[in-house]
Amino acid sequence: GDKVNDVSSSNLMQQSEFTISDGSKLIEMILDNAYTDPITATLREIGQNASDPMLGKGGDFHVHLPTAIEPWLAIIDDGIGFGIGMKVPFTMCDQYSIIDRFEGKEYTFSAYKDDFGVAQFVQLGEKDTSDCNGLEIRVPVDSNKFHVVKEKMIKAYIYFDPKPTTNIEVEWEVRDYS
């Protein structure tokens, strides 16, 4: 016959709680090791936040693809846009910008890693705006990666419905689900 191992926990005397004393270090470790494709990870995580009805306005968002004049990737929504993926752009770079528009004000933040590699967020400015509420994550991109970002965006958002609007022409693959 098969031998069955029984585990018993009778007479449990003490219950302990599992905690992490420095959550930021855990997040940094996960970011440094979990994503083998930083561009796709950034597109998916931030795009998912932007299209989430609980975080965004309900699916609509815009992707600014890098160009020679504006060499950055930006994912822009009309909601609050924050989520656990907020630190994923650090897999692509050591510094990026966050532009938060809320109730007629625009707040600009810099997200960067300090000397110990810990993520820091500092407010750079505040100004009045007539733009609608929303959040923009802006990540610098090297010019030799512009085409790669565009190709990876098309693949990352292939199943998104609706697709994001973009600043440059994109040919989306048409999927037949029949």
C-alpha atoms as a PDB file:
ATOM      1  CA  GLY A   1       0.000   0.000   0.000  1.00  0.00           C
ATOM      2  CA  ASP A   2       0.630   3.623  -0.312  1.00  0.00           C
ATOM      3  CA  LYS A   3       1.988   5.317   2.779  1.00  0.00           C
ATOM      4  CA  VAL A   4       0.155   8.498   3.793  1.00  0.00           C
ATOM      5  CA  ASN A   5       1.835  11.123   5.934  1.00  0.00           C
ATOM      6  CA  ASP A   6      -0.489  12.927   8.323  1.00  0.00           C
ATOM      7  CA  VAL A   7       0.473  16.280   9.737  1.00  0.00           C
ATOM      8  CA  SER A   8      -1.146  17.292  12.969  1.00  0.00           C
ATOM      9  CA  SER A   9      -1.053  20.666  14.666  1.00  0.00           C
ATOM     10  CA  SER A  10      -2.801  19.932  17.920  1.00  0.00           C
ATOM     11  CA  ASN A  11      -1.756  21.795  21.051  1.00  0.00           C
ATOM     12  CA  LEU A  12      -0.773  24.904  19.080  1.00  0.00           C
ATOM     13  CA  MET A  13       0.501  27.199  21.794  1.00  0.00           C
ATOM     14  CA  GLN A  14       1.532  30.337  19.954  1.00  0.00           C
ATOM     15  CA  GLN A  15       0.528  32.057  16.781  1.00  0.00           C
ATOM     16  CA  SER A  16       2.980  34.315  14.965  1.00  0.00           C
ATOM     17  CA  GLU A  17       2.431  36.903  12.305  1.00  0.00           C
ATOM     18  CA  PHE A  18       4.657  37.090   9.259  1.00  0.00           C
ATOM     19  CA  THR A  19       5.799  40.631   8.507  1.00  0.00           C
ATOM     20  CA  ILE A  20       8.418  42.265   6.327  1.00  0.00           C
ATOM     21  CA  SER A  21      10.339  44.987   8.103  1.00  0.00           C
ATOM     22  CA  ASP A  22      11.501  46.763   4.932  1.00  0.00           C
ATOM     23  CA  GLY A  23       8.935  46.361   2.183  1.00  0.00           C
ATOM     24  CA  SER A  24      10.788  48.734  -0.146  1.00  0.00           C
ATOM     25  CA  LYS A  25      13.825  46.430  -0.213  1.00  0.00           C
ATOM     26  CA  LEU A  26      11.567  43.468  -1.077  1.00  0.00           C
ATOM     27  CA  ILE A  27       9.971  45.404  -3.931  1.00  0.00           C
ATOM     28  CA  GLU A  28      13.413  46.441  -5.214  1.00  0.00           C
ATOM     29  CA  MET A  29      14.585  42.817  -5.126  1.00  0.00           C
ATOM     30  CA  ILE A  30      11.492  41.667  -7.027  1.00  0.00           C
ATOM     31  CA  LEU A  31      11.915  44.404  -9.639  1.00  0.00           C
ATOM     32  CA  ASP A  32      15.598  43.630 -10.113  1.00  0.00           C
ATOM     33  CA  ASN A  33      15.017  39.920 -10.603  1.00  0.00           C
ATOM     34  CA  ALA A  34      11.467  39.253 -11.787  1.00  0.00           C
ATOM     35  CA  TYR A  35      11.319  41.006 -15.132  1.00  0.00           C
ATOM     36  CA  THR A  36      13.426  39.634 -17.972  1.00  0.00           C
ATOM     37  CA  ASP A  37      11.937  42.124 -20.461  1.00  0.00           C
ATOM     38  CA  PRO A  38      11.814  45.566 -18.795  1.00  0.00           C
ATOM     39  CA  ILE A  39      10.122  47.354 -21.712  1.00  0.00           C
ATOM     40  CA  THR A  40       7.261  44.856 -21.961  1.00  0.00           C
ATOM     41  CA  ALA A  41       6.922  44.722 -18.167  1.00  0.00           C
ATOM     42  CA  THR A  42       6.627  48.512 -17.968  1.00  0.00           C
ATOM     43  CA  LEU A  43       4.110  48.658 -20.814  1.00  0.00           C
ATOM     44  CA  ARG A  44       1.959  45.883 -19.335  1.00  0.00           C
ATOM     45  CA  GLU A  45       2.007  46.986 -15.709  1.00  0.00           C
ATOM     46  CA  ILE A  46       1.431  50.688 -16.290  1.00  0.00           C
ATOM     47  CA  GLY A  47      -1.012  49.985 -19.148  1.00  0.00           C
ATOM     48  CA  GLN A  48      -2.964  47.615 -16.924  1.00  0.00           C
ATOM     49  CA  ASN A  49      -3.157  50.291 -14.228  1.00  0.00           C
ATOM     50  CA  ALA A  50      -4.248  52.871 -16.811  1.00  0.00           C
ATOM     51  CA  SER A  51      -6.980  50.645 -18.268  1.00  0.00           C
ATOM     52  CA  ASP A  52      -8.273  49.363 -14.914  1.00  0.00           C
ATOM     53  CA  PRO A  53     -11.761  50.813 -14.261  1.00  0.00           C
ATOM     54  CA  MET A  54     -10.939  51.029 -10.550  1.00  0.00           C
ATOM     55  CA  LEU A  55      -7.802  53.118 -11.228  1.00  0.00           C
ATOM     56  CA  GLY A  56      -8.499  54.762 -14.579  1.00  0.00           C
ATOM     57  CA  LYS A  57     -11.657  56.079 -16.156  1.00  0.00           C
ATOM     58  CA  GLY A  58     -12.600  52.714 -17.594  1.00  0.00           C
ATOM     59  CA  GLY A  59     -10.245  51.464 -20.249  1.00  0.00           C
ATOM     60  CA  ASP A  60      -9.268  54.498 -22.313  1.00  0.00           C
ATOM     61  CA  PHE A  61      -5.639  55.552 -22.142  1.00  0.00           C
ATOM     62  CA  HIS A  62      -2.978  57.091 -24.354  1.00  0.00           C
ATOM     63  CA  VAL A  63       0.559  55.906 -25.112  1.00  0.00           C
ATOM     64  CA  HIS A  64       3.140  58.440 -26.211  1.00  0.00           C
ATOM     65  CA  LEU A  65       5.793  56.544 -28.158  1.00  0.00           C
ATOM     66  CA  PRO A  66       9.315  58.019 -28.215  1.00  0.00           C
ATOM     67  CA  THR A  67      10.291  60.235 -31.130  1.00  0.00           C
ATOM     68  CA  ALA A  68      13.442  62.198 -32.019  1.00  0.00           C
ATOM     69  CA  ILE A  69      11.842  65.390 -30.684  1.00  0.00           C
ATOM     70  CA  GLU A  70      10.182  63.793 -27.617  1.00  0.00           C
ATOM     71  CA  PRO A  71      12.407  60.820 -26.626  1.00  0.00           C
ATOM     72  CA  TRP A  72      10.198  59.256 -23.973  1.00  0.00           C
ATOM     73  CA  LEU A  73       7.575  56.598 -23.476  1.00  0.00           C
ATOM     74  CA  ALA A  74       4.533  57.898 -21.628  1.00  0.00           C
ATOM     75  CA  ILE A  75       1.378  56.135 -20.546  1.00  0.00           C
ATOM     76  CA  ILE A  76      -1.411  58.580 -19.787  1.00  0.00           C
ATOM     77  CA  ASP A  77      -4.856  57.950 -18.322  1.00  0.00           C
ATOM     78  CA  ASP A  78      -7.778  59.985 -17.055  1.00  0.00           C
ATOM     79  CA  GLY A  79      -7.927  58.354 -13.631  1.00  0.00           C
ATOM     80  CA  ILE A  80      -5.613  58.003 -10.666  1.00  0.00           C
ATOM     81  CA  GLY A  81      -3.519  55.258 -12.347  1.00  0.00           C
ATOM     82  CA  PHE A  82      -1.448  54.156  -9.330  1.00  0.00           C
ATOM     83  CA  GLY A  83      -1.024  50.470  -8.649  1.00  0.00           C
ATOM     84  CA  ILE A  84       1.602  48.006  -7.516  1.00  0.00           C
ATOM     85  CA  GLY A  85       3.299  48.285 -10.909  1.00  0.00           C
ATOM     86  CA  MET A  86       4.192  51.907 -10.253  1.00  0.00           C
ATOM     87  CA  LYS A  87       7.872  51.054  -9.652  1.00  0.00           C
ATOM     88  CA  VAL A  88       8.239  48.829 -12.736  1.00  0.00           C
ATOM     89  CA  PRO A  89       9.691  51.670 -14.874  1.00  0.00           C
ATOM     90  CA  PHE A  90      12.803  51.352 -12.695  1.00  0.00           C
ATOM     91  CA  THR A  91      13.524  48.166 -14.657  1.00  0.00           C
ATOM     92  CA  MET A  92      14.059  50.419 -17.711  1.00  0.00           C
ATOM     93  CA  CYS A  93      15.840  53.355 -16.075  1.00  0.00           C
ATOM     94  CA  ASP A  94      16.978  54.878 -12.779  1.00  0.00           C
ATOM     95  CA  GLN A  95      14.775  57.983 -13.061  1.00  0.00           C
ATOM     96  CA  TYR A  96      11.378  58.759 -14.571  1.00  0.00           C
ATOM     97  CA  SER A  97       8.660  61.381 -14.210  1.00  0.00           C
ATOM     98  CA  ILE A  98       5.137  61.245 -12.856  1.00  0.00           C
ATOM     99  CA  ILE A  99       2.702  63.975 -13.841  1.00  0.00           C
ATOM    100  CA  ASP A 100      -0.501  64.008 -11.797  1.00  0.00           C
ATOM    101  CA  ARG A 101      -3.414  66.206 -12.854  1.00  0.00           C
ATOM    102  CA  PHE A 102      -6.125  66.680 -10.272  1.00  0.00           C
ATOM    103  CA  GLU A 103      -8.857  69.296  -9.823  1.00  0.00           C
ATOM    104  CA  GLY A 104      -7.202  71.968 -11.997  1.00  0.00           C
ATOM    105  CA  LYS A 105      -3.669  71.435 -10.703  1.00  0.00           C
ATOM    106  CA  GLU A 106      -0.757  69.589 -12.304  1.00  0.00           C
ATOM    107  CA  TYR A 107       1.877  68.116  -9.992  1.00  0.00           C
ATOM    108  CA  THR A 108       5.202  66.894 -11.391  1.00  0.00           C
ATOM    109  CA  PHE A 109       7.247  64.318  -9.500  1.00  0.00           C
ATOM    110  CA  SER A 110      10.608  62.694 -10.116  1.00  0.00           C
ATOM    111  CA  ALA A 111      10.923  59.016  -9.271  1.00  0.00           C
ATOM    112  CA  TYR A 112      14.537  57.983  -8.789  1.00  0.00           C
ATOM    113  CA  LYS A 113      16.746  55.503  -6.985  1.00  0.00           C
ATOM    114  CA  ASP A 114      18.868  56.962  -4.204  1.00  0.00           C
ATOM    115  CA  ASP A 115      22.494  56.012  -3.439  1.00  0.00           C
ATOM    116  CA  PHE A 116      21.255  52.841  -1.717  1.00  0.00           C
ATOM    117  CA  GLY A 117      19.056  51.819  -4.663  1.00  0.00           C
ATOM    118  CA  VAL A 118      15.833  52.644  -2.819  1.00  0.00           C
ATOM    119  CA  ALA A 119      13.016  54.266  -4.802  1.00  0.00           C
ATOM    120  CA  GLN A 120      12.347  57.879  -3.897  1.00  0.00           C
ATOM    121  CA  PHE A 121       9.615  60.232  -5.118  1.00  0.00           C
ATOM    122  CA  VAL A 122      10.088  64.000  -4.917  1.00  0.00           C
ATOM    123  CA  GLN A 123       7.715  66.738  -6.063  1.00  0.00           C
ATOM    124  CA  LEU A 124       9.352  69.056  -8.600  1.00  0.00           C
ATOM    125  CA  GLY A 125       6.554  71.473  -9.315  1.00  0.00           C
ATOM    126  CA  GLU A 126       2.917  72.457  -9.280  1.00  0.00           C
ATOM    127  CA  LYS A 127       0.945  74.558 -11.766  1.00  0.00           C
ATOM    128  CA  ASP A 128      -2.606  75.311 -12.808  1.00  0.00           C
ATOM    129  CA  THR A 129      -4.014  73.302 -15.716  1.00  0.00           C
ATOM    130  CA  SER A 130      -7.206  73.085 -17.713  1.00  0.00           C
ATOM    131  CA  ASP A 131      -6.496  69.427 -18.591  1.00  0.00           C
ATOM    132  CA  CYS A 132      -8.766  66.759 -17.152  1.00  0.00           C
ATOM    133  CA  ASN A 133      -7.755  64.671 -14.144  1.00  0.00           C
ATOM    134  CA  GLY A 134      -5.241  61.967 -14.950  1.00  0.00           C
ATOM    135  CA  LEU A 135      -1.842  60.475 -14.468  1.00  0.00           C
ATOM    136  CA  GLU A 136       1.135  60.288 -16.815  1.00  0.00           C
ATOM    137  CA  ILE A 137       4.141  58.053 -16.316  1.00  0.00           C
ATOM    138  CA  ARG A 138       7.010  59.333 -18.522  1.00  0.00           C
ATOM    139  CA  VAL A 139      10.074  57.115 -19.020  1.00  0.00           C
ATOM    140  CA  PRO A 140      13.159  58.235 -20.989  1.00  0.00           C
ATOM    141  CA  VAL A 141      14.126  55.964 -23.915  1.00  0.00           C
ATOM    142  CA  ASP A 142      17.439  55.757 -25.780  1.00  0.00           C
ATOM    143  CA  SER A 143      17.044  56.579 -29.470  1.00  0.00           C
ATOM    144  CA  ASN A 144      18.286  53.125 -30.510  1.00  0.00           C
ATOM    145  CA  LYS A 145      15.276  51.598 -28.686  1.00  0.00           C
ATOM    146  CA  PHE A 146      12.456  53.700 -30.205  1.00  0.00           C
ATOM    147  CA  HIS A 147      11.420  51.003 -32.691  1.00  0.00           C
ATOM    148  CA  VAL A 148      11.724  48.281 -30.043  1.00  0.00           C
ATOM    149  CA  VAL A 149       9.358  50.150 -27.722  1.00  0.00           C
ATOM    150  CA  LYS A 150       6.798  50.494 -30.514  1.00  0.00           C
ATOM    151  CA  GLU A 151       7.004  46.773 -31.440  1.00  0.00           C
ATOM    152  CA  LYS A 152       6.756  45.661 -27.820  1.00  0.00           C
ATOM    153  CA  MET A 153       3.809  48.002 -27.209  1.00  0.00           C
ATOM    154  CA  ILE A 154       1.872  46.418 -30.071  1.00  0.00           C
ATOM    155  CA  LYS A 155       2.507  42.951 -28.600  1.00  0.00           C
ATOM    156  CA  ALA A 156       1.891  44.001 -24.987  1.00  0.00           C
ATOM    157  CA  TYR A 157      -1.522  45.490 -25.773  1.00  0.00           C
ATOM    158  CA  ILE A 158      -2.673  42.933 -28.336  1.00  0.00           C
ATOM    159  CA  TYR A 159      -5.549  41.739 -26.116  1.00  0.00           C
ATOM    160  CA  PHE A 160      -6.462  45.141 -24.653  1.00  0.00           C
ATOM    161  CA  ASP A 161      -9.927  46.338 -25.596  1.00  0.00           C
ATOM    162  CA  PRO A 162     -10.048  49.176 -26.290  1.00  0.00           C
ATOM    163  CA  LYS A 163      -6.517  49.721 -27.564  1.00  0.00           C
ATOM    164  CA  PRO A 164      -4.748  52.855 -26.373  1.00  0.00           C
ATOM    165  CA  THR A 165      -4.550  55.887 -28.600  1.00  0.00           C
ATOM    166  CA  THR A 166      -1.012  56.788 -29.685  1.00  0.00           C
ATOM    167  CA  ASN A 167       0.895  59.858 -30.830  1.00  0.00           C
ATOM    168  CA  ILE A 168       2.213  58.093 -33.961  1.00  0.00           C
ATOM    169  CA  GLU A 169       0.602  55.705 -36.424  1.00  0.00           C
ATOM    170  CA  VAL A 170       0.356  52.109 -35.163  1.00  0.00           C
ATOM    171  CA  GLU A 171      -0.905  49.110 -37.096  1.00  0.00           C
ATOM    172  CA  TRP A 172      -2.610  46.847 -34.588  1.00  0.00           C
ATOM    173  CA  GLU A 173      -2.753  43.158 -35.335  1.00  0.00           C
ATOM    174  CA  VAL A 174      -6.326  42.048 -35.903  1.00  0.00           C
ATOM    175  CA  ARG A 175      -7.203  38.891 -33.991  1.00  0.00           C
ATOM    176  CA  ASP A 176     -10.047  36.648 -35.138  1.00  0.00           C
ATOM    177  CA  TYR A 177     -11.559  34.881 -32.112  1.00  0.00           C
ATOM    178  CA  SER A 178     -14.080  32.763 -34.049  1.00  0.00           C
END
